[in-house]
Amino acid sequence: MLLIMFLLLGAFFIVSNENIRLNVTEDRSKFGDFYYSWIGGLYEKATGITGFVINSEWLDYRNSTKNEIIVRK
């Protein structure tokens, strides 16, 4: 439900910011171009963030008795 609301809100922002009238055929085509470009940008950013999170070191490898950092090889 939140995803649908987010996508509709994005569509409304595109229509209002670009002054698109959806009852005109040329404007509907322009809207489709803007909307799919926006969706593509969201996908690219999401994959970049996901890749960063996956490649991050989440565990601190310290020796609990000596408090030294253990380097993984």
C-alpha atoms as a PDB file:
ATOM      1  CA  MET A   1       0.000   0.000   0.000  1.00  0.00           C
ATOM      2  CA  LEU A   2       2.829   2.410   0.863  1.00  0.00           C
ATOM      3  CA  LEU A   3       4.622   1.566  -2.375  1.00  0.00           C
ATOM      4  CA  ILE A   4       1.529   2.386  -4.433  1.00  0.00           C
ATOM      5  CA  MET A   5       1.069   5.658  -2.562  1.00  0.00           C
ATOM      6  CA  PHE A   6       4.751   6.535  -3.133  1.00  0.00           C
ATOM      7  CA  LEU A   7       4.487   5.826  -6.881  1.00  0.00           C
ATOM      8  CA  LEU A   8       1.262   7.845  -7.175  1.00  0.00           C
ATOM      9  CA  LEU A   9       2.779  10.742  -5.260  1.00  0.00           C
ATOM     10  CA  GLY A  10       5.755  10.686  -7.626  1.00  0.00           C
ATOM     11  CA  ALA A  11       3.387  10.744 -10.601  1.00  0.00           C
ATOM     12  CA  PHE A  12       1.503  13.721  -9.140  1.00  0.00           C
ATOM     13  CA  PHE A  13       4.754  15.615  -8.603  1.00  0.00           C
ATOM     14  CA  ILE A  14       5.825  14.968 -12.197  1.00  0.00           C
ATOM     15  CA  VAL A  15       2.473  16.193 -13.522  1.00  0.00           C
ATOM     16  CA  SER A  16       2.532  19.342 -11.399  1.00  0.00           C
ATOM     17  CA  ASN A  17       6.221  20.230 -11.848  1.00  0.00           C
ATOM     18  CA  GLU A  18       6.215  19.733 -15.610  1.00  0.00           C
ATOM     19  CA  ASN A  19       2.745  21.280 -16.176  1.00  0.00           C
ATOM     20  CA  ILE A  20       1.566  18.156 -17.964  1.00  0.00           C
ATOM     21  CA  ARG A  21      -2.065  17.848 -19.039  1.00  0.00           C
ATOM     22  CA  LEU A  22      -2.902  14.162 -19.201  1.00  0.00           C
ATOM     23  CA  ASN A  23      -5.847  14.751 -21.544  1.00  0.00           C
ATOM     24  CA  VAL A  24      -3.398  15.715 -24.344  1.00  0.00           C
ATOM     25  CA  THR A  25      -1.778  12.821 -26.217  1.00  0.00           C
ATOM     26  CA  GLU A  26       1.654  14.458 -26.516  1.00  0.00           C
ATOM     27  CA  ASP A  27       1.689  15.268 -22.804  1.00  0.00           C
ATOM     28  CA  ARG A  28       0.810  11.678 -21.903  1.00  0.00           C
ATOM     29  CA  SER A  29       3.797  10.525 -23.908  1.00  0.00           C
ATOM     30  CA  LYS A  30       5.992  13.101 -22.180  1.00  0.00           C
ATOM     31  CA  PHE A  31       4.630  11.965 -18.803  1.00  0.00           C
ATOM     32  CA  GLY A  32       5.509   8.344 -19.607  1.00  0.00           C
ATOM     33  CA  ASP A  33       9.061   9.339 -20.474  1.00  0.00           C
ATOM     34  CA  PHE A  34       9.486  11.336 -17.256  1.00  0.00           C
ATOM     35  CA  TYR A  35       7.852   8.670 -15.083  1.00  0.00           C
ATOM     36  CA  TYR A  36       9.874   5.737 -16.414  1.00  0.00           C
ATOM     37  CA  SER A  37      13.045   7.806 -16.190  1.00  0.00           C
ATOM     38  CA  TRP A  38      12.206   8.546 -12.549  1.00  0.00           C
ATOM     39  CA  ILE A  39      11.534   4.840 -11.838  1.00  0.00           C
ATOM     40  CA  GLY A  40      14.859   3.941 -13.501  1.00  0.00           C
ATOM     41  CA  GLY A  41      16.684   6.458 -11.321  1.00  0.00           C
ATOM     42  CA  LEU A  42      15.069   4.995  -8.211  1.00  0.00           C
ATOM     43  CA  TYR A  43      16.190   1.525  -9.263  1.00  0.00           C
ATOM     44  CA  GLU A  44      19.779   2.655  -9.865  1.00  0.00           C
ATOM     45  CA  LYS A  45      19.968   4.402  -6.491  1.00  0.00           C
ATOM     46  CA  ALA A  46      18.448   1.416  -4.674  1.00  0.00           C
ATOM     47  CA  THR A  47      20.954  -0.990  -6.228  1.00  0.00           C
ATOM     48  CA  GLY A  48      23.824   1.348  -5.308  1.00  0.00           C
ATOM     49  CA  ILE A  49      22.686   1.572  -1.696  1.00  0.00           C
ATOM     50  CA  THR A  50      22.113  -2.183  -1.505  1.00  0.00           C
ATOM     51  CA  GLY A  51      25.576  -2.881  -2.892  1.00  0.00           C
ATOM     52  CA  PHE A  52      27.145  -0.507  -0.386  1.00  0.00           C
ATOM     53  CA  VAL A  53      25.323  -2.168   2.514  1.00  0.00           C
ATOM     54  CA  ILE A  54      26.260  -5.663   1.349  1.00  0.00           C
ATOM     55  CA  ASN A  55      29.950  -4.779   0.956  1.00  0.00           C
ATOM     56  CA  SER A  56      30.207  -3.012   4.327  1.00  0.00           C
ATOM     57  CA  GLU A  57      32.050  -4.620   7.231  1.00  0.00           C
ATOM     58  CA  TRP A  58      29.445  -5.020   9.950  1.00  0.00           C
ATOM     59  CA  LEU A  59      31.451  -6.931  12.534  1.00  0.00           C
ATOM     60  CA  ASP A  60      34.322  -5.571  14.562  1.00  0.00           C
ATOM     61  CA  TYR A  61      36.945  -8.300  14.742  1.00  0.00           C
ATOM     62  CA  ARG A  62      38.629  -7.528  18.075  1.00  0.00           C
ATOM     63  CA  ASN A  63      40.344  -9.945  20.374  1.00  0.00           C
ATOM     64  CA  SER A  64      38.272  -9.665  23.537  1.00  0.00           C
ATOM     65  CA  THR A  65      41.250 -10.201  25.884  1.00  0.00           C
ATOM     66  CA  LYS A  66      43.838  -7.942  24.242  1.00  0.00           C
ATOM     67  CA  ASN A  67      41.451  -5.485  22.538  1.00  0.00           C
ATOM     68  CA  GLU A  68      43.416  -5.784  19.293  1.00  0.00           C
ATOM     69  CA  ILE A  69      41.905  -5.665  15.846  1.00  0.00           C
ATOM     70  CA  ILE A  70      42.225  -8.964  14.030  1.00  0.00           C
ATOM     71  CA  VAL A  71      42.745  -8.539  10.293  1.00  0.00           C
ATOM     72  CA  ARG A  72      40.878 -11.064   8.181  1.00  0.00           C
ATOM     73  CA  LYS A  73      42.720 -12.518   5.217  1.00  0.00           C
END
